[in-house]
Protein backbone atom coordinates (compact mmCIF):
# COMPACT_ATOMS: atom_id res chain seq x y z
CA MET A 1 -5.77 10.88 -34.05
CA VAL A 2 -1.79 11.64 -36.40
CA ASN A 3 -1.25 14.28 -33.07
CA LYS A 4 -1.81 11.63 -30.58
CA ILE A 5 0.15 8.71 -32.10
CA LEU A 6 2.95 11.01 -32.27
CA LEU A 7 2.98 12.43 -28.56
CA ILE A 8 2.78 8.69 -27.10
CA LEU A 9 6.14 7.99 -29.96
CA LEU A 10 7.32 11.30 -27.92
CA LEU A 11 6.08 9.90 -24.42
CA SER A 12 8.04 6.75 -25.30
CA VAL A 13 10.89 7.99 -26.61
CA ALA A 14 11.31 10.47 -23.34
CA CYS A 15 10.49 7.80 -21.39
CA ALA A 16 12.96 5.48 -22.24
CA SER A 17 15.66 8.21 -22.51
CA SER A 18 15.04 9.20 -18.59
CA SER A 19 15.40 6.09 -17.14
CA PRO A 20 18.71 4.50 -17.13
CA THR A 21 17.87 1.22 -15.40
CA PRO A 22 18.90 -1.75 -16.95
CA ARG A 23 15.99 -4.08 -18.60
CA GLN A 24 15.32 -7.26 -17.29
CA SER A 25 12.34 -10.05 -18.25
CA SER A 26 10.56 -9.36 -15.25
CA PHE A 27 10.45 -6.47 -12.18
CA LYS A 28 8.27 -7.19 -8.88
CA ALA A 29 6.04 -4.49 -6.88
CA THR A 30 4.53 -4.77 -3.83
CA LEU A 31 0.70 -4.63 -2.90
CA THR A 32 -0.55 -3.15 -0.13
CA ARG A 33 -3.72 -3.07 2.15
CA PRO A 34 -5.70 0.64 1.83
CA THR A 35 -6.21 0.73 6.05
CA SER A 36 -4.43 -0.82 8.29
CA LEU A 37 -7.63 -2.48 10.23
CA ILE A 38 -8.79 -4.83 7.54
CA GLN A 39 -13.15 -4.11 7.50
CA LEU A 40 -14.82 -6.93 6.09
CA LYS A 41 -18.66 -6.08 7.40
CA ASP A 42 -20.83 -6.39 4.64
CA VAL A 43 -18.63 -7.86 2.43
CA TYR A 44 -21.17 -10.55 1.18
CA SER A 45 -23.37 -7.57 0.12
CA ARG A 46 -20.18 -5.91 -1.55
CA ASP A 47 -19.13 -9.46 -3.17
CA MET A 48 -22.75 -9.99 -4.41
CA ILE A 49 -23.03 -6.59 -5.73
CA ARG A 50 -19.49 -7.30 -7.55
CA TRP A 51 -21.02 -10.25 -9.38
CA ALA A 52 -24.06 -9.22 -9.94
CA ASN A 53 -21.93 -6.68 -12.88
CA PHE A 54 -20.15 -9.42 -13.86
CA ARG A 55 -23.04 -11.44 -14.75
CA THR A 56 -25.85 -8.59 -16.28
CA SER A 57 -23.39 -7.64 -19.28
CA SER A 58 -20.71 -8.63 -21.52
CA PHE A 59 -18.46 -5.77 -20.52
CA SER A 60 -19.49 -4.67 -17.84
CA VAL A 61 -17.48 -2.85 -14.30
CA PRO A 62 -17.80 -4.99 -11.05
CA ALA A 63 -18.40 -2.83 -7.74
CA ILE A 64 -15.04 -2.90 -5.95
CA ASN A 65 -14.74 -3.69 -2.17
CA GLU A 66 -12.11 -0.63 -1.67
CA ASP A 67 -11.63 -1.55 2.32
CA VAL A 68 -10.67 -5.43 1.98
CA SER A 69 -9.09 -4.95 -2.27
CA TYR A 70 -5.23 -4.25 -2.10
CA THR A 71 -3.24 -1.34 -3.43
CA ILE A 72 -0.10 0.03 -5.70
CA THR A 73 1.82 2.71 -6.01
CA VAL A 74 1.29 4.16 -9.45
CA GLY A 75 3.31 7.62 -10.74
CA LEU A 76 2.18 9.62 -13.01
CA GLY A 77 3.32 12.68 -15.15
CA THR A 78 6.60 14.25 -14.72
CA PRO A 79 7.61 15.69 -12.49
CA VAL A 80 6.42 12.11 -10.54
CA THR A 81 2.83 12.26 -8.27
CA ASN A 82 2.95 8.83 -6.65
CA VAL A 83 -0.50 7.26 -6.32
CA ASN A 84 -2.61 4.79 -4.85
CA LEU A 85 -4.78 2.41 -6.73
CA ILE A 86 -6.91 -0.54 -6.65
CA PHE A 87 -5.15 -3.28 -7.73
CA ASP A 88 -7.92 -5.57 -9.75
CA THR A 89 -8.21 -8.41 -12.65
CA GLY A 90 -12.02 -7.54 -13.05
CA SER A 91 -11.41 -4.49 -15.15
CA SER A 92 -8.82 -3.41 -17.42
CA ASN A 93 -8.78 0.56 -17.03
CA LEU A 94 -6.48 2.77 -14.91
CA TRP A 95 -8.53 5.92 -13.31
CA VAL A 96 -7.14 8.94 -10.53
CA LYS A 97 -9.28 10.94 -8.81
CA ASN A 98 -8.72 14.16 -9.67
CA THR A 99 -7.77 15.17 -5.06
CA ALA A 100 -4.90 13.15 -6.27
CA TYR A 101 -3.06 14.02 -9.31
CA ASN A 102 -3.11 17.41 -10.77
CA SER A 103 -2.71 17.11 -14.90
CA CYS A 104 -1.40 20.84 -14.62
CA ASN A 105 1.56 19.65 -12.50
CA SER A 106 2.87 17.77 -14.93
CA ARG A 107 4.83 18.84 -18.46
CA THR A 108 4.06 15.52 -20.00
CA THR A 109 0.78 15.26 -19.92
CA HIS A 110 -2.29 15.33 -23.03
CA TYR A 111 -5.31 15.50 -22.82
CA PHE A 112 -7.13 14.37 -26.93
CA GLY A 113 -10.92 14.94 -25.86
CA GLU A 114 -12.31 11.95 -24.95
CA THR A 115 -13.85 11.32 -21.60
CA PHE A 116 -14.77 8.25 -19.61
CA SER A 117 -17.74 7.14 -17.29
CA ILE A 118 -17.46 3.89 -15.49
CA GLN A 119 -20.26 2.18 -13.21
CA TYR A 120 -19.00 0.15 -10.39
CA GLY A 121 -22.28 -0.86 -9.35
CA SER A 122 -23.00 1.13 -6.20
CA GLY A 123 -20.16 3.61 -7.01
CA TYR A 124 -18.95 5.91 -10.27
CA ALA A 125 -16.07 7.80 -11.43
CA SER A 126 -16.09 9.76 -14.49
CA GLY A 127 -14.00 12.51 -16.30
CA LYS A 128 -11.51 13.45 -19.03
CA GLU A 129 -8.71 10.97 -20.49
CA TYR A 130 -5.32 11.79 -20.92
CA THR A 131 -2.02 10.59 -22.13
CA ASP A 132 1.22 11.02 -19.24
CA VAL A 133 4.02 9.19 -18.49
CA ALA A 134 3.40 6.44 -16.07
CA THR A 135 5.62 4.75 -13.51
CA LEU A 136 5.77 1.58 -11.72
CA GLY A 137 8.99 0.62 -9.86
CA SER A 138 12.01 2.31 -12.51
CA TYR A 139 10.15 1.73 -15.72
CA ARG A 140 8.50 4.46 -17.29
CA PHE A 141 6.03 4.39 -20.29
CA ALA A 142 3.01 6.15 -22.41
CA GLN A 143 0.06 5.54 -20.72
CA GLU A 144 -3.96 6.59 -21.05
CA PHE A 145 -5.63 6.84 -18.33
CA GLY A 146 -8.73 8.60 -16.84
CA ILE A 147 -8.90 11.65 -14.56
CA ALA A 148 -12.47 11.35 -12.59
CA SER A 149 -13.55 14.98 -11.64
CA ASN A 150 -16.85 12.98 -9.97
CA PHE A 151 -17.03 9.97 -8.17
CA SER A 152 -18.96 8.11 -5.61
CA GLY A 153 -18.24 5.02 -3.42
CA PHE A 154 -14.42 4.78 -2.48
CA SER A 155 -13.13 5.73 0.36
CA SER A 156 -10.69 8.56 0.80
CA ASP A 157 -8.06 5.56 1.36
CA VAL A 158 -8.66 4.65 -2.47
CA GLN A 159 -7.06 7.30 -5.32
CA GLY A 160 -8.51 5.36 -7.98
CA LEU A 161 -8.08 2.16 -9.72
CA VAL A 162 -5.84 0.26 -11.75
CA GLY A 163 -7.32 -2.67 -14.17
CA PHE A 164 -5.08 -6.03 -14.91
CA GLY A 165 -8.28 -7.70 -16.74
CA PRO A 166 -8.35 -8.64 -20.60
CA ASP A 167 -8.67 -5.38 -22.82
CA ASP A 168 -11.86 -5.87 -23.73
CA LEU A 169 -13.25 -4.64 -20.62
CA SER A 170 -11.21 -1.86 -20.93
CA THR A 171 -14.10 0.53 -23.96
CA VAL A 172 -15.33 2.65 -21.01
CA THR A 173 -14.50 6.19 -23.01
CA SER A 174 -16.10 7.88 -25.26
CA SER A 175 -14.77 7.05 -28.43
CA GLY A 176 -15.76 3.43 -27.28
CA LYS A 177 -12.03 1.65 -28.34
CA LYS A 178 -10.19 -0.40 -26.16
CA VAL A 179 -7.03 0.76 -23.53
CA ARG A 180 -3.98 -0.49 -23.14
CA THR A 181 -3.47 -1.29 -20.16
CA PRO A 182 -0.04 -0.98 -18.28
CA VAL A 183 1.36 -5.01 -19.33
CA ASP A 184 0.46 -4.55 -22.33
CA ASN A 185 2.39 -0.84 -22.64
CA LEU A 186 5.48 -2.84 -20.28
CA HIS A 187 5.39 -5.56 -22.96
CA ALA A 188 4.70 -3.60 -26.40
CA THR A 189 7.50 -1.75 -24.92
CA HIS A 190 9.97 -4.54 -24.48
CA GLN A 191 10.60 -3.45 -20.77
CA ILE A 192 8.92 -6.96 -20.02
CA SER A 193 9.04 -10.23 -22.36
CA SER A 194 6.19 -11.35 -21.63
CA ASN A 195 2.61 -10.01 -21.72
CA VAL A 196 2.29 -11.91 -18.13
CA ILE A 197 1.65 -10.78 -14.11
CA GLY A 198 2.04 -13.30 -11.00
CA VAL A 199 0.28 -12.14 -7.76
CA TRP A 200 0.88 -13.75 -4.90
CA PHE A 201 -1.47 -12.27 -1.39
CA GLN A 202 -0.09 -13.66 1.81
CA PRO A 203 -2.95 -14.72 4.58
CA ILE A 204 -4.02 -12.70 7.34
CA THR A 205 -2.95 -14.24 10.39
CA ASN A 206 -3.48 -11.46 13.36
CA GLY A 207 -6.39 -9.01 13.81
CA GLY A 208 -5.30 -7.26 10.58
CA THR A 209 -2.64 -4.81 11.43
CA GLN A 210 -0.50 -6.22 8.60
CA GLU A 211 -0.14 -3.80 5.65
CA THR A 212 2.13 -4.88 3.01
CA ASN A 213 1.83 -8.85 2.32
CA GLY A 214 1.42 -8.76 -1.28
CA GLU A 215 3.14 -8.91 -4.46
CA VAL A 216 2.85 -8.54 -7.79
CA THR A 217 5.40 -9.91 -10.73
CA PHE A 218 5.11 -8.03 -14.51
CA GLY A 219 6.65 -9.88 -16.88
CA GLY A 220 7.02 -13.77 -15.88
CA HIS A 221 6.52 -15.31 -12.27
CA ASP A 222 8.10 -15.57 -8.98
CA SER A 223 9.21 -19.02 -7.89
CA THR A 224 10.37 -17.89 -4.77
CA LYS A 225 6.35 -17.41 -3.75
CA TYR A 226 5.15 -21.05 -4.95
CA CYS A 227 6.26 -25.08 -4.83
CA GLY A 228 5.72 -27.34 -7.55
CA ARG A 229 4.82 -26.71 -11.08
CA ILE A 230 2.07 -24.22 -12.16
CA THR A 231 -1.06 -25.25 -13.92
CA TYR A 232 -2.30 -23.16 -16.81
CA VAL A 233 -6.25 -23.56 -18.02
CA PRO A 234 -7.35 -21.80 -20.82
CA ILE A 235 -9.70 -19.09 -20.88
CA THR A 236 -13.05 -20.50 -20.70
CA THR A 237 -15.52 -20.28 -23.14
CA ALA A 238 -18.76 -20.05 -21.09
CA SER A 239 -19.74 -16.66 -21.41
CA PRO A 240 -20.13 -14.11 -19.17
CA ALA A 241 -16.89 -15.87 -17.29
CA SER A 242 -14.81 -15.66 -20.87
CA ASN A 243 -15.04 -12.08 -20.85
CA TYR A 244 -12.72 -12.05 -17.83
CA TRP A 245 -10.10 -14.05 -16.45
CA GLY A 246 -12.66 -16.91 -16.54
CA ILE A 247 -11.76 -20.61 -16.37
CA ASP A 248 -13.68 -23.80 -15.72
CA ILE A 249 -13.40 -26.32 -12.96
CA ALA A 250 -13.50 -29.72 -13.26
CA GLU A 251 -15.20 -30.38 -10.08
CA ILE A 252 -15.26 -29.15 -6.37
CA ALA A 253 -15.30 -31.91 -3.21
CA TYR A 254 -15.81 -31.87 0.26
CA GLY A 255 -13.76 -35.02 1.66
CA SER A 256 -14.60 -37.34 -0.89
CA THR A 257 -17.82 -36.31 -2.05
CA LYS A 258 -18.47 -34.36 -5.27
CA VAL A 259 -20.34 -31.39 -4.95
CA THR A 260 -20.43 -30.21 -8.45
CA SER A 261 -19.65 -31.33 -11.91
CA THR A 262 -17.52 -29.08 -14.65
CA ILE A 263 -18.41 -25.61 -14.01
CA PRO A 264 -17.39 -22.19 -15.71
CA GLY A 265 -16.30 -18.74 -13.39
CA ILE A 266 -13.82 -16.49 -12.82
CA VAL A 267 -10.51 -16.09 -10.80
CA ASP A 268 -10.88 -12.81 -9.37
CA THR A 269 -9.03 -10.85 -7.16
CA GLY A 270 -11.10 -7.77 -6.29
CA THR A 271 -13.87 -10.55 -4.64
CA THR A 272 -12.96 -11.21 -1.06
CA LEU A 273 -14.80 -14.33 -0.66
CA ILE A 274 -14.98 -17.88 -2.59
CA LEU A 275 -18.97 -17.53 -4.42
CA LEU A 276 -20.22 -20.95 -5.75
CA SER A 277 -23.36 -21.44 -7.29
CA SER A 278 -26.78 -21.97 -5.67
CA ASP A 279 -26.83 -25.85 -6.28
CA ALA A 280 -22.88 -26.09 -5.55
CA THR A 281 -23.11 -24.43 -2.32
CA ASN A 282 -26.75 -26.42 -0.68
CA SER A 283 -24.13 -29.49 -1.78
CA LEU A 284 -21.09 -28.21 0.12
CA TYR A 285 -23.09 -27.60 3.22
CA GLU A 286 -25.72 -30.70 3.51
CA GLN A 287 -22.29 -32.29 4.19
CA ILE A 288 -22.14 -30.23 7.47
CA PRO A 289 -24.77 -30.97 9.89
CA GLY A 290 -26.76 -27.08 11.09
CA ALA A 291 -24.85 -25.24 9.19
CA LYS A 292 -26.76 -21.66 8.30
CA VAL A 293 -26.50 -18.30 6.72
CA ASP A 294 -25.69 -16.18 9.91
CA ASN A 295 -28.82 -13.17 9.92
CA ASP A 296 -25.76 -10.39 10.79
CA THR A 297 -23.22 -11.53 8.90
CA THR A 298 -25.11 -13.26 5.78
CA LEU A 299 -21.77 -15.89 5.68
CA TYR A 300 -22.54 -19.28 6.87
CA ILE A 301 -21.92 -20.88 10.57
CA ILE A 302 -20.72 -23.95 11.05
CA PRO A 303 -22.02 -25.53 14.44
CA PRO A 304 -19.36 -26.21 17.25
CA ALA A 305 -19.69 -29.56 16.95
CA GLU A 306 -18.94 -30.79 13.50
CA VAL A 307 -15.95 -27.66 13.77
CA PRO A 308 -13.39 -30.94 14.58
CA LYS A 309 -15.45 -33.03 12.08
CA LEU A 310 -14.63 -30.68 8.99
CA LYS A 311 -13.06 -31.77 5.89
CA ASP A 312 -11.01 -30.49 3.41
CA ILE A 313 -12.51 -28.95 0.32
CA THR A 314 -10.55 -30.07 -3.57
CA PHE A 315 -11.17 -28.05 -7.01
CA ASN A 316 -9.81 -29.99 -9.33
CA ILE A 317 -8.55 -27.72 -11.94
CA GLY A 318 -6.95 -28.55 -15.11
CA HIS A 319 -6.13 -32.42 -13.63
CA SER A 320 -4.58 -30.54 -10.74
CA VAL A 321 -6.52 -30.67 -7.39
CA PHE A 322 -5.88 -27.62 -5.66
CA THR A 323 -6.69 -28.21 -1.32
CA LEU A 324 -8.14 -25.85 1.22
CA THR A 325 -8.06 -26.88 4.50
CA PRO A 326 -10.71 -26.06 7.54
CA ALA A 327 -8.31 -23.59 8.97
CA GLN A 328 -8.14 -22.53 5.31
CA TYR A 329 -12.01 -21.85 4.45
CA THR A 330 -12.79 -20.63 7.72
CA VAL A 331 -12.48 -16.97 9.50
CA PRO A 332 -10.03 -16.69 12.12
CA GLN A 333 -10.83 -15.62 15.29
CA ASN A 334 -8.85 -13.15 15.92
CA GLN A 335 -10.31 -11.82 12.38
CA VAL A 336 -14.41 -12.17 14.06
CA ALA A 337 -14.90 -9.24 14.71
CA ASN A 338 -14.00 -7.48 11.70
CA ILE A 339 -16.94 -9.50 10.41
CA GLY A 340 -19.41 -8.05 12.63
CA GLY A 341 -19.51 -11.35 13.64
CA LYS A 342 -19.34 -13.36 17.59
CA VAL A 343 -16.34 -14.23 18.86
CA GLY A 344 -16.43 -17.70 19.29
CA THR A 345 -18.24 -18.49 16.53
CA THR A 346 -17.05 -20.61 13.60
CA TYR A 347 -17.82 -18.92 9.98
CA SER A 348 -16.57 -19.80 6.66
CA TRP A 349 -15.19 -17.95 3.45
CA ILE A 350 -17.51 -19.71 1.31
CA SER A 351 -20.68 -18.03 0.21
CA SER A 352 -23.59 -18.27 -2.06
CA LEU A 353 -24.29 -16.52 -5.58
CA GLY A 354 -27.72 -17.08 -4.86
CA ASP A 355 -28.38 -18.87 -8.26
CA ASN A 356 -27.20 -21.19 -10.51
CA ASN A 357 -26.04 -18.99 -13.84
CA SER A 358 -24.83 -21.55 -16.77
CA GLY A 359 -21.87 -19.09 -17.61
CA LEU A 360 -20.73 -18.13 -14.06
CA ALA A 361 -21.09 -20.68 -11.62
CA PHE A 362 -18.11 -19.14 -9.58
CA ILE A 363 -15.65 -16.58 -8.60
CA LEU A 364 -12.67 -17.78 -6.55
CA GLY A 365 -11.52 -14.40 -4.83
CA GLN A 366 -8.90 -13.42 -2.48
CA LYS A 367 -9.80 -15.89 0.13
CA PHE A 368 -9.32 -18.44 -2.33
CA LEU A 369 -6.45 -16.87 -3.80
CA GLU A 370 -4.41 -16.81 -0.35
CA ASN A 371 -3.98 -19.97 -0.04
CA PHE A 372 -2.42 -19.85 -3.77
CA TYR A 373 0.27 -18.27 -6.14
CA SER A 374 -1.90 -17.30 -9.40
CA VAL A 375 -0.64 -15.87 -13.10
CA TYR A 376 -3.02 -14.26 -16.02
CA ASP A 377 -1.28 -14.59 -19.59
CA THR A 378 -2.76 -12.32 -21.98
CA THR A 379 -0.99 -13.52 -24.50
CA HIS A 380 -1.82 -16.79 -24.06
CA LYS A 381 -5.32 -16.06 -23.02
CA ARG A 382 -4.88 -18.64 -19.70
CA VAL A 383 -4.79 -18.45 -16.05
CA GLY A 384 -2.20 -20.38 -13.87
CA LEU A 385 -2.08 -21.49 -10.57
CA ALA A 386 -0.14 -23.19 -7.89
CA ASN A 387 0.02 -23.84 -4.56
CA ALA A 388 1.33 -21.01 -2.56
CA ALA A 389 5.26 -21.31 -0.44
CA ASN A 390 4.82 -21.63 3.30
CA ALA A 391 5.32 -23.12 6.63
CA THR A 392 4.94 -26.77 4.66
CA CYS A 393 6.32 -26.29 1.43
CA LYS A 394 9.61 -25.19 1.45
CA LYS A 395 10.26 -21.97 -0.65
CA ARG A 396 12.49 -22.22 -3.74
CA GLN A 397 15.10 -19.33 -4.20
CA GLY A 398 15.67 -17.94 -7.03
CA ARG A 399 14.90 -15.43 -10.42
CA PRO A 400 11.41 -15.12 -11.66
CA ARG A 401 10.71 -17.68 -14.24
CA PHE A 402 8.89 -16.98 -17.51
């Protein structure tokens, strides 16, 4: 144990001495789609595997849909090897495939006798735990991570995963201890002023050929990416949502019709769809005559005659109202082929969780988050949301706020 602490201290000194970059209160990194064509087929079934893992165990790790996830570039070792890792707020460990990173090529790596094992619903990763220098942009810090010698369920485009969820989710090593996330380590070494990340996703507006269309701010939030103020809400007390970035929604309404009262759930970058309890989903689609689940895509379809009549859907969160327009909660026609649907048919991004679990009644995934700026604040155990800057919302210029 003493040797391990000494190694981490030496790595921290090496990180500080080898990086002359002046330290700021925050810094930004881009988020990228792993493939040039966004594959959305079977997206509902993959999201449901992820949800099943959220609800069945307090500290289970959810499944990942790597085809529609965002990746971030992280450097490991000395000299640096850059790897593209899935960016996930629903888990809290960093691991990389042994085909993408060889510890023997780093002169600062150290194996201290522990292993890790993570089950991802339909996939898994296992191997040995190491400590080495990690790099995000020009920022260097000591990081514990796994090198997976066994893995399944991940495409060749994905080289591993980095989690930014609560550290209670990181107890997957053989010792059962908590492992610090990169944000924890950046904050502990005073390289960022707050243990906070701000996340912005740009909606895919074409057929899916955009690649770099997201951004994460470490240590704060980027005021150029949102309008108005950020509404903060505490982590819910309802389990299992309380183990993740879970919040309470006071009300969801379709037009002026209330479809839910207060319910707990999760804000999650690793889920694609907007998922509601079966009661809430039924109440919602009862307001749209003829809406039904499509057998091919398992998404809801809207009858052509009802499309012009669609109303806004509002989410009352922390005494603020967040609105999705029909254009935001339906699939753009130039993406219909990607979901395996029929061109000319209107599909919805909102689907059912399949039951009414009282402790996890919704998941706000990417199709919600693409329209809002989200903040994940570990220090104050809260989540923040604001309207994303867009064509109808004047972008505010300035440095990130803290």
